[in-house]
Amino acid sequence: MNQTLIFWPMFAQVLLTFVAYLVMSKRRIAAVKAGEARARDFEVPRDPERSATAARNVANQFELPVLFYVVCLAFHQVGAVGWIALLLAWAFVAARVAHAWLHMTTNIVMLRRRLFIVGFAIVGLMWAWLAVALLTMAG
């Protein structure tokens, strides 16, 4: 299998991060224009609720996804990219997109938590699958 295919879900996750930054910036500008916040409120964030969810989501993109990036790079490095690794990687990205969308729209905490747990479980499975691949390679 083409080992570079693992980079496409990584690009998708990076794109999600950029989108979250754009949403946060747009909401912060809107909050200032609406008089809900002042520009200096963002020195040490005291975001109004609507922009706070976007700001928190941006921070989320540098938490669990870090483990995703590392395991994807590890799959590539050891030549263990296969259909299962790719399926798990795309499933992780799908879970993160759903989580981000929910977080920045309705923000239903219990549903958002379930989506987080799905992503968490998927990245855990990716690490387990990498361990299996490494053990298989060791013979």
N, C-alpha and C. Protein backbone atom coordinates (compact mmCIF):
# COMPACT_ATOMS: atom_id res chain seq x y z
N MET A 1 0.84 -1.18 0.00
CA MET A 1 0.00 0.00 0.00
C MET A 1 0.89 1.24 0.00
N ASN A 2 0.38 2.30 -0.63
CA ASN A 2 1.09 3.57 -0.66
C ASN A 2 1.11 4.16 0.76
N GLN A 3 2.28 4.24 1.35
CA GLN A 3 2.43 4.69 2.73
C GLN A 3 2.06 6.16 2.92
N THR A 4 2.11 6.95 1.86
CA THR A 4 1.80 8.37 2.00
C THR A 4 0.30 8.64 2.14
N LEU A 5 -0.54 7.64 1.94
CA LEU A 5 -1.99 7.84 2.11
C LEU A 5 -2.36 8.27 3.52
N ILE A 6 -1.52 7.94 4.50
CA ILE A 6 -1.80 8.30 5.89
C ILE A 6 -1.77 9.82 6.09
N PHE A 7 -1.12 10.53 5.16
CA PHE A 7 -1.04 11.98 5.31
C PHE A 7 -2.36 12.69 4.98
N TRP A 8 -3.25 12.08 4.20
CA TRP A 8 -4.50 12.75 3.84
C TRP A 8 -5.42 12.96 5.04
N PRO A 9 -5.61 11.97 5.91
CA PRO A 9 -6.42 12.30 7.10
C PRO A 9 -5.72 13.33 7.99
N MET A 10 -4.39 13.34 7.98
CA MET A 10 -3.68 14.36 8.76
C MET A 10 -3.96 15.75 8.18
N PHE A 11 -3.93 15.87 6.85
CA PHE A 11 -4.27 17.14 6.22
C PHE A 11 -5.69 17.56 6.58
N ALA A 12 -6.61 16.61 6.60
CA ALA A 12 -8.00 16.92 6.95
C ALA A 12 -8.10 17.44 8.38
N GLN A 13 -7.34 16.84 9.30
CA GLN A 13 -7.35 17.30 10.69
C GLN A 13 -6.75 18.70 10.79
N VAL A 14 -5.70 18.96 10.04
CA VAL A 14 -5.11 20.30 10.02
C VAL A 14 -6.11 21.31 9.47
N LEU A 15 -6.82 20.94 8.42
CA LEU A 15 -7.85 21.82 7.85
C LEU A 15 -8.91 22.14 8.89
N LEU A 16 -9.33 21.13 9.64
CA LEU A 16 -10.30 21.36 10.72
C LEU A 16 -9.76 22.39 11.71
N THR A 17 -8.49 22.30 12.05
CA THR A 17 -7.88 23.26 12.98
C THR A 17 -7.92 24.66 12.41
N PHE A 18 -7.59 24.81 11.12
CA PHE A 18 -7.65 26.12 10.48
C PHE A 18 -9.08 26.67 10.47
N VAL A 19 -10.06 25.81 10.20
CA VAL A 19 -11.46 26.24 10.21
C VAL A 19 -11.85 26.72 11.61
N ALA A 20 -11.44 25.98 12.64
CA ALA A 20 -11.75 26.39 14.02
C ALA A 20 -11.13 27.76 14.32
N TYR A 21 -9.91 27.99 13.85
CA TYR A 21 -9.29 29.31 14.04
C TYR A 21 -10.10 30.40 13.34
N LEU A 22 -10.56 30.13 12.12
CA LEU A 22 -11.33 31.12 11.38
C LEU A 22 -12.66 31.42 12.08
N VAL A 23 -13.34 30.39 12.57
CA VAL A 23 -14.60 30.59 13.30
C VAL A 23 -14.34 31.42 14.55
N MET A 24 -13.28 31.08 15.29
CA MET A 24 -12.96 31.83 16.50
C MET A 24 -12.70 33.30 16.17
N SER A 25 -11.90 33.56 15.16
CA SER A 25 -11.58 34.93 14.79
C SER A 25 -12.83 35.70 14.38
N LYS A 26 -13.66 35.07 13.56
CA LYS A 26 -14.90 35.72 13.10
C LYS A 26 -15.81 36.04 14.29
N ARG A 27 -15.93 35.11 15.22
CA ARG A 27 -16.81 35.35 16.38
C ARG A 27 -16.24 36.41 17.31
N ARG A 28 -14.93 36.46 17.44
CA ARG A 28 -14.34 37.49 18.30
C ARG A 28 -14.54 38.87 17.68
N ILE A 29 -14.32 38.97 16.38
CA ILE A 29 -14.53 40.26 15.70
C ILE A 29 -15.99 40.68 15.83
N ALA A 30 -16.90 39.73 15.63
CA ALA A 30 -18.34 40.03 15.75
C ALA A 30 -18.69 40.48 17.17
N ALA A 31 -18.07 39.87 18.17
CA ALA A 31 -18.34 40.24 19.56
C ALA A 31 -17.88 41.67 19.83
N VAL A 32 -16.74 42.06 19.28
CA VAL A 32 -16.24 43.43 19.47
C VAL A 32 -17.17 44.41 18.76
N LYS A 33 -17.54 44.08 17.52
CA LYS A 33 -18.43 44.97 16.76
C LYS A 33 -19.80 45.11 17.42
N ALA A 34 -20.28 44.04 18.06
CA ALA A 34 -21.59 44.08 18.71
C ALA A 34 -21.53 44.72 20.10
N GLY A 35 -20.34 45.06 20.55
CA GLY A 35 -20.20 45.66 21.86
C GLY A 35 -20.24 44.67 23.01
N GLU A 36 -20.18 43.37 22.70
CA GLU A 36 -20.19 42.34 23.74
C GLU A 36 -18.82 42.18 24.39
N ALA A 37 -17.79 42.66 23.72
CA ALA A 37 -16.42 42.53 24.21
C ALA A 37 -15.60 43.69 23.67
N ARG A 38 -14.48 43.91 24.30
CA ARG A 38 -13.50 44.88 23.80
C ARG A 38 -12.29 44.09 23.33
N ALA A 39 -11.54 44.64 22.42
CA ALA A 39 -10.37 43.93 21.88
C ALA A 39 -9.44 43.50 23.00
N ARG A 40 -9.30 44.35 24.02
CA ARG A 40 -8.37 43.98 25.10
C ARG A 40 -8.88 42.83 25.96
N ASP A 41 -10.17 42.49 25.83
CA ASP A 41 -10.71 41.33 26.55
C ASP A 41 -10.02 40.03 26.12
N PHE A 42 -9.39 40.06 24.97
CA PHE A 42 -8.76 38.85 24.45
C PHE A 42 -7.27 38.76 24.82
N GLU A 43 -6.76 39.76 25.54
CA GLU A 43 -5.37 39.67 26.02
C GLU A 43 -5.22 38.45 26.92
N VAL A 44 -6.08 38.36 27.90
CA VAL A 44 -6.25 37.17 28.72
C VAL A 44 -7.71 36.82 28.49
N PRO A 45 -7.95 35.79 27.68
CA PRO A 45 -9.31 35.58 27.17
C PRO A 45 -10.42 35.62 28.22
N ARG A 46 -11.36 36.51 27.94
CA ARG A 46 -12.62 36.60 28.68
C ARG A 46 -13.71 36.66 27.62
N ASP A 47 -13.65 35.67 26.73
CA ASP A 47 -14.55 35.65 25.59
C ASP A 47 -16.01 35.63 26.01
N PRO A 48 -16.86 36.31 25.23
CA PRO A 48 -18.30 36.08 25.38
C PRO A 48 -18.57 34.62 25.04
N GLU A 49 -19.66 34.08 25.54
CA GLU A 49 -19.93 32.64 25.40
C GLU A 49 -19.80 32.13 23.96
N ARG A 50 -20.35 32.84 23.00
CA ARG A 50 -20.34 32.36 21.62
C ARG A 50 -18.91 32.22 21.07
N SER A 51 -18.04 33.17 21.36
CA SER A 51 -16.67 33.03 20.86
C SER A 51 -15.84 32.14 21.78
N ALA A 52 -16.25 32.00 23.03
CA ALA A 52 -15.52 31.12 23.96
C ALA A 52 -15.57 29.67 23.51
N THR A 53 -16.71 29.24 22.97
CA THR A 53 -16.79 27.85 22.50
C THR A 53 -15.84 27.62 21.34
N ALA A 54 -15.72 28.60 20.44
CA ALA A 54 -14.79 28.46 19.32
C ALA A 54 -13.34 28.49 19.83
N ALA A 55 -13.05 29.37 20.78
CA ALA A 55 -11.69 29.44 21.33
C ALA A 55 -11.32 28.14 22.04
N ARG A 56 -12.26 27.59 22.78
CA ARG A 56 -12.00 26.32 23.46
C ARG A 56 -11.82 25.19 22.45
N ASN A 57 -12.56 25.25 21.36
CA ASN A 57 -12.42 24.22 20.33
C ASN A 57 -11.05 24.30 19.66
N VAL A 58 -10.54 25.50 19.46
CA VAL A 58 -9.18 25.64 18.91
C VAL A 58 -8.19 24.95 19.84
N ALA A 59 -8.32 25.19 21.13
CA ALA A 59 -7.43 24.53 22.10
C ALA A 59 -7.57 23.01 22.02
N ASN A 60 -8.80 22.54 21.82
CA ASN A 60 -9.04 21.09 21.70
C ASN A 60 -8.26 20.49 20.54
N GLN A 61 -8.02 21.27 19.49
CA GLN A 61 -7.33 20.73 18.31
C GLN A 61 -5.84 20.49 18.57
N PHE A 62 -5.36 20.91 19.74
CA PHE A 62 -3.96 20.69 20.11
C PHE A 62 -3.83 19.77 21.32
N GLU A 63 -4.89 19.04 21.61
CA GLU A 63 -4.87 18.09 22.73
C GLU A 63 -4.86 16.67 22.17
N LEU A 64 -5.98 16.03 22.08
CA LEU A 64 -6.06 14.66 21.57
C LEU A 64 -5.47 14.50 20.16
N PRO A 65 -5.68 15.45 19.24
CA PRO A 65 -5.11 15.27 17.91
C PRO A 65 -3.58 15.14 17.88
N VAL A 66 -2.90 15.61 18.90
CA VAL A 66 -1.44 15.44 18.92
C VAL A 66 -1.09 13.94 18.91
N LEU A 67 -1.82 13.15 19.68
CA LEU A 67 -1.59 11.70 19.68
C LEU A 67 -1.90 11.09 18.32
N PHE A 68 -2.89 11.64 17.62
CA PHE A 68 -3.25 11.21 16.28
C PHE A 68 -2.10 11.48 15.30
N TYR A 69 -1.57 12.70 15.34
CA TYR A 69 -0.48 13.04 14.42
C TYR A 69 0.73 12.13 14.65
N VAL A 70 1.06 11.91 15.89
CA VAL A 70 2.23 11.09 16.21
C VAL A 70 2.05 9.65 15.73
N VAL A 71 0.88 9.06 15.96
CA VAL A 71 0.68 7.68 15.54
C VAL A 71 0.65 7.58 14.01
N CYS A 72 0.09 8.57 13.34
CA CYS A 72 0.11 8.56 11.87
C CYS A 72 1.53 8.61 11.35
N LEU A 73 2.34 9.47 11.92
CA LEU A 73 3.75 9.56 11.51
C LEU A 73 4.49 8.26 11.81
N ALA A 74 4.15 7.63 12.93
CA ALA A 74 4.78 6.36 13.28
C ALA A 74 4.39 5.27 12.28
N PHE A 75 3.12 5.20 11.91
CA PHE A 75 2.69 4.23 10.89
C PHE A 75 3.50 4.43 9.62
N HIS A 76 3.64 5.66 9.20
CA HIS A 76 4.40 5.96 7.98
C HIS A 76 5.86 5.57 8.14
N GLN A 77 6.45 5.95 9.25
CA GLN A 77 7.88 5.72 9.47
C GLN A 77 8.24 4.24 9.42
N VAL A 78 7.39 3.40 10.00
CA VAL A 78 7.72 1.97 10.04
C VAL A 78 7.12 1.19 8.87
N GLY A 79 6.44 1.90 7.96
CA GLY A 79 5.88 1.24 6.79
C GLY A 79 4.68 0.36 7.11
N ALA A 80 3.89 0.77 8.10
CA ALA A 80 2.76 -0.04 8.54
C ALA A 80 1.41 0.54 8.14
N VAL A 81 1.41 1.46 7.16
CA VAL A 81 0.14 2.02 6.72
C VAL A 81 -0.60 0.95 5.91
N GLY A 82 -1.77 0.61 6.36
CA GLY A 82 -2.62 -0.35 5.67
C GLY A 82 -4.06 0.11 5.76
N TRP A 83 -4.97 -0.70 5.27
CA TRP A 83 -6.38 -0.32 5.25
C TRP A 83 -6.93 -0.06 6.65
N ILE A 84 -6.52 -0.84 7.61
CA ILE A 84 -7.05 -0.65 8.97
C ILE A 84 -6.57 0.68 9.55
N ALA A 85 -5.28 0.97 9.37
CA ALA A 85 -4.75 2.24 9.87
C ALA A 85 -5.45 3.41 9.19
N LEU A 86 -5.65 3.31 7.88
CA LEU A 86 -6.33 4.40 7.15
C LEU A 86 -7.78 4.55 7.58
N LEU A 87 -8.47 3.44 7.74
CA LEU A 87 -9.87 3.49 8.19
C LEU A 87 -9.97 4.15 9.56
N LEU A 88 -9.09 3.75 10.47
CA LEU A 88 -9.09 4.35 11.81
C LEU A 88 -8.75 5.84 11.75
N ALA A 89 -7.80 6.21 10.91
CA ALA A 89 -7.40 7.62 10.80
C ALA A 89 -8.57 8.46 10.28
N TRP A 90 -9.24 7.99 9.24
CA TRP A 90 -10.38 8.75 8.72
C TRP A 90 -11.53 8.77 9.72
N ALA A 91 -11.73 7.69 10.45
CA ALA A 91 -12.79 7.65 11.47
C ALA A 91 -12.49 8.67 12.57
N PHE A 92 -11.22 8.79 12.95
CA PHE A 92 -10.83 9.77 13.96
C PHE A 92 -11.16 11.18 13.48
N VAL A 93 -10.77 11.48 12.23
CA VAL A 93 -11.04 12.82 11.68
C VAL A 93 -12.54 13.08 11.64
N ALA A 94 -13.32 12.09 11.22
CA ALA A 94 -14.78 12.26 11.18
C ALA A 94 -15.33 12.56 12.58
N ALA A 95 -14.83 11.85 13.57
CA ALA A 95 -15.28 12.09 14.95
C ALA A 95 -14.89 13.49 15.41
N ARG A 96 -13.71 13.94 15.04
CA ARG A 96 -13.25 15.27 15.44
C ARG A 96 -14.05 16.37 14.73
N VAL A 97 -14.37 16.14 13.45
CA VAL A 97 -15.19 17.12 12.73
C VAL A 97 -16.57 17.22 13.39
N ALA A 98 -17.17 16.09 13.70
CA ALA A 98 -18.48 16.09 14.35
C ALA A 98 -18.40 16.78 15.71
N HIS A 99 -17.34 16.49 16.47
CA HIS A 99 -17.14 17.10 17.78
C HIS A 99 -17.00 18.62 17.65
N ALA A 100 -16.18 19.07 16.70
CA ALA A 100 -15.96 20.51 16.51
C ALA A 100 -17.24 21.21 16.08
N TRP A 101 -17.96 20.59 15.15
CA TRP A 101 -19.20 21.18 14.67
C TRP A 101 -20.18 21.35 15.84
N LEU A 102 -20.34 20.29 16.62
CA LEU A 102 -21.25 20.35 17.76
C LEU A 102 -20.78 21.38 18.78
N HIS A 103 -19.48 21.40 19.05
CA HIS A 103 -18.92 22.32 20.03
C HIS A 103 -19.17 23.77 19.63
N MET A 104 -19.04 24.06 18.34
CA MET A 104 -19.16 25.45 17.89
C MET A 104 -20.58 25.83 17.45
N THR A 105 -21.52 24.88 17.58
CA THR A 105 -22.92 25.22 17.24
C THR A 105 -23.78 25.07 18.48
N THR A 106 -24.43 23.93 18.65
CA THR A 106 -25.36 23.76 19.77
C THR A 106 -24.68 23.51 21.10
N ASN A 107 -23.48 22.96 21.07
CA ASN A 107 -22.67 22.71 22.27
C ASN A 107 -23.41 21.88 23.32
N ILE A 108 -24.05 20.82 22.87
CA ILE A 108 -24.74 19.90 23.80
C ILE A 108 -23.66 19.04 24.45
N VAL A 109 -23.38 19.31 25.71
CA VAL A 109 -22.22 18.74 26.38
C VAL A 109 -22.22 17.21 26.40
N MET A 110 -23.33 16.59 26.70
CA MET A 110 -23.35 15.11 26.78
C MET A 110 -23.08 14.48 25.41
N LEU A 111 -23.63 15.04 24.36
CA LEU A 111 -23.36 14.52 23.02
C LEU A 111 -21.92 14.81 22.61
N ARG A 112 -21.46 16.00 22.94
CA ARG A 112 -20.07 16.37 22.65
C ARG A 112 -19.11 15.42 23.36
N ARG A 113 -19.43 15.07 24.60
CA ARG A 113 -18.59 14.14 25.37
C ARG A 113 -18.54 12.78 24.69
N ARG A 114 -19.70 12.31 24.21
CA ARG A 114 -19.73 11.01 23.52
C ARG A 114 -18.86 11.04 22.26
N LEU A 115 -18.92 12.13 21.53
CA LEU A 115 -18.09 12.24 20.33
C LEU A 115 -16.61 12.29 20.69
N PHE A 116 -16.29 12.97 21.79
CA PHE A 116 -14.90 12.97 22.25
C PHE A 116 -14.44 11.56 22.58
N ILE A 117 -15.28 10.81 23.29
CA ILE A 117 -14.93 9.44 23.68
C ILE A 117 -14.73 8.57 22.44
N VAL A 118 -15.55 8.77 21.41
CA VAL A 118 -15.36 8.01 20.16
C VAL A 118 -13.98 8.30 19.59
N GLY A 119 -13.62 9.58 19.48
CA GLY A 119 -12.30 9.94 18.97
C GLY A 119 -11.18 9.40 19.84
N PHE A 120 -11.37 9.49 21.15
CA PHE A 120 -10.38 8.97 22.10
C PHE A 120 -10.18 7.48 21.90
N ALA A 121 -11.28 6.74 21.76
CA ALA A 121 -11.20 5.29 21.56
C ALA A 121 -10.52 4.97 20.23
N ILE A 122 -10.83 5.73 19.20
CA ILE A 122 -10.22 5.47 17.89
C ILE A 122 -8.72 5.70 17.94
N VAL A 123 -8.29 6.78 18.55
CA VAL A 123 -6.84 7.02 18.61
C VAL A 123 -6.16 5.95 19.48
N GLY A 124 -6.85 5.47 20.50
CA GLY A 124 -6.33 4.35 21.29
C GLY A 124 -6.20 3.10 20.46
N LEU A 125 -7.21 2.82 19.63
CA LEU A 125 -7.14 1.68 18.72
C LEU A 125 -6.01 1.84 17.71
N MET A 126 -5.77 3.04 17.26
CA MET A 126 -4.65 3.27 16.33
C MET A 126 -3.32 2.90 16.98
N TRP A 127 -3.15 3.30 18.22
CA TRP A 127 -1.90 2.96 18.93
C TRP A 127 -1.81 1.45 19.15
N ALA A 128 -2.91 0.82 19.48
CA ALA A 128 -2.91 -0.64 19.66
C ALA A 128 -2.57 -1.33 18.34
N TRP A 129 -3.15 -0.85 17.25
CA TRP A 129 -2.88 -1.44 15.94
C TRP A 129 -1.42 -1.26 15.54
N LEU A 130 -0.85 -0.11 15.88
CA LEU A 130 0.57 0.12 15.62
C LEU A 130 1.41 -0.88 16.41
N ALA A 131 1.04 -1.13 17.66
CA ALA A 131 1.77 -2.11 18.48
C ALA A 131 1.71 -3.49 17.84
N VAL A 132 0.53 -3.88 17.35
CA VAL A 132 0.37 -5.17 16.68
C VAL A 132 1.27 -5.22 15.44
N ALA A 133 1.26 -4.15 14.66
CA ALA A 133 2.10 -4.08 13.46
C ALA A 133 3.58 -4.22 13.81
N LEU A 134 4.00 -3.54 14.86
CA LEU A 134 5.41 -3.61 15.26
C LEU A 134 5.78 -5.01 15.75
N LEU A 135 4.89 -5.62 16.50
CA LEU A 135 5.14 -7.00 16.97
C LEU A 135 5.21 -7.98 15.80
N THR A 136 4.35 -7.78 14.82
CA THR A 136 4.33 -8.64 13.63
C THR A 136 5.63 -8.46 12.83
N MET A 137 6.09 -7.23 12.73
CA MET A 137 7.34 -6.96 12.00
C MET A 137 8.55 -7.57 12.71
N ALA A 138 8.49 -7.61 14.05
CA ALA A 138 9.62 -8.13 14.83
C ALA A 138 9.72 -9.64 14.66
N GLY A 139 8.62 -10.24 14.21
CA GLY A 139 8.62 -11.67 13.94
C GLY A 139 8.57 -12.47 15.17
